[in-house]
Amino acid sequence: MSTEPQRYLDLMSFRSAEEAYAKVKRLASDLSDDEHLIRSCIFDLHAAVEIELRRILYHTFHAQLFLT
């Protein structure tokens, strides 16, 4: 495993990718239906905000980017 993915595993105190997958699966499985719904809504909102910010930044800076 390269050092970059290992840094993320170290952040969460995992020794291997398999251990991380097992823990994430356990965490996600322990959620109730309402918690899954809330989690999905948060991910959808995050994606929508990211797309909107990219659009705003593109239109704000496209003249400067394409003039150079």
Protein backbone atom coordinates (compact mmCIF):
# COMPACT_ATOMS: atom_id res chain seq x y z
CA MET A 1 0.00 0.00 0.00
CA SER A 2 1.36 3.44 -0.86
CA THR A 3 1.90 6.03 1.85
CA GLU A 4 -1.07 8.26 0.89
CA PRO A 5 -3.86 5.73 1.60
CA GLN A 6 -1.99 4.61 4.71
CA ARG A 7 -2.13 8.16 6.08
CA TYR A 8 -5.93 8.02 6.03
CA LEU A 9 -5.94 4.64 7.73
CA ASP A 10 -3.58 5.96 10.41
CA LEU A 11 -5.90 8.91 11.01
CA MET A 12 -8.65 6.49 12.04
CA SER A 13 -6.23 4.08 13.77
CA PHE A 14 -6.79 1.25 11.27
CA ARG A 15 -4.00 -1.16 10.45
CA SER A 16 -5.33 -2.31 7.08
CA ALA A 17 -7.87 -1.48 4.41
CA GLU A 18 -9.81 -4.63 5.30
CA GLU A 19 -10.14 -3.48 8.91
CA ALA A 20 -11.38 -0.08 7.71
CA TYR A 21 -13.98 -1.67 5.40
CA ALA A 22 -15.25 -3.90 8.21
CA LYS A 23 -15.54 -1.00 10.67
CA VAL A 24 -17.30 1.29 8.17
CA LYS A 25 -19.73 -1.49 7.30
CA ARG A 26 -20.48 -2.04 11.00
CA LEU A 27 -20.98 1.70 11.57
CA ALA A 28 -23.32 2.03 8.59
CA SER A 29 -25.27 -1.09 9.51
CA ASP A 30 -25.92 0.19 13.02
CA LEU A 31 -27.86 3.18 11.68
CA SER A 32 -31.63 3.26 11.91
CA ASP A 33 -33.77 3.95 8.84
CA ASP A 34 -34.16 7.58 9.92
CA GLU A 35 -30.41 7.95 10.38
CA HIS A 36 -29.80 6.49 6.91
CA LEU A 37 -32.30 8.97 5.47
CA ILE A 38 -30.62 11.89 7.24
CA ARG A 39 -27.19 10.71 6.09
CA SER A 40 -28.40 10.46 2.50
CA CYS A 41 -29.89 13.95 2.68
CA ILE A 42 -26.62 15.35 4.00
CA PHE A 43 -24.68 13.72 1.14
CA ASP A 44 -27.19 15.05 -1.42
CA LEU A 45 -27.01 18.57 0.02
CA HIS A 46 -23.23 18.44 0.07
CA ALA A 47 -23.11 17.38 -3.58
CA ALA A 48 -25.58 20.11 -4.59
CA VAL A 49 -23.59 22.80 -2.78
CA GLU A 50 -20.35 21.57 -4.35
CA ILE A 51 -21.84 21.71 -7.85
CA GLU A 52 -23.24 25.20 -7.25
CA LEU A 53 -19.92 26.47 -5.89
CA ARG A 54 -18.07 25.06 -8.89
CA ARG A 55 -20.54 26.81 -11.21
CA ILE A 56 -20.16 30.12 -9.37
CA LEU A 57 -16.38 29.90 -9.27
CA TYR A 58 -16.20 28.97 -12.94
CA HIS A 59 -18.34 31.93 -14.01
CA THR A 60 -16.50 34.27 -11.66
CA PHE A 61 -12.99 33.34 -12.76
CA HIS A 62 -13.34 32.01 -16.31
CA ALA A 63 -12.30 35.32 -17.86
CA GLN A 64 -9.09 35.43 -15.84
CA LEU A 65 -8.37 31.77 -16.49
CA PHE A 66 -8.78 31.95 -20.25
CA LEU A 67 -6.97 35.26 -20.73
CA THR A 68 -3.67 33.88 -19.42
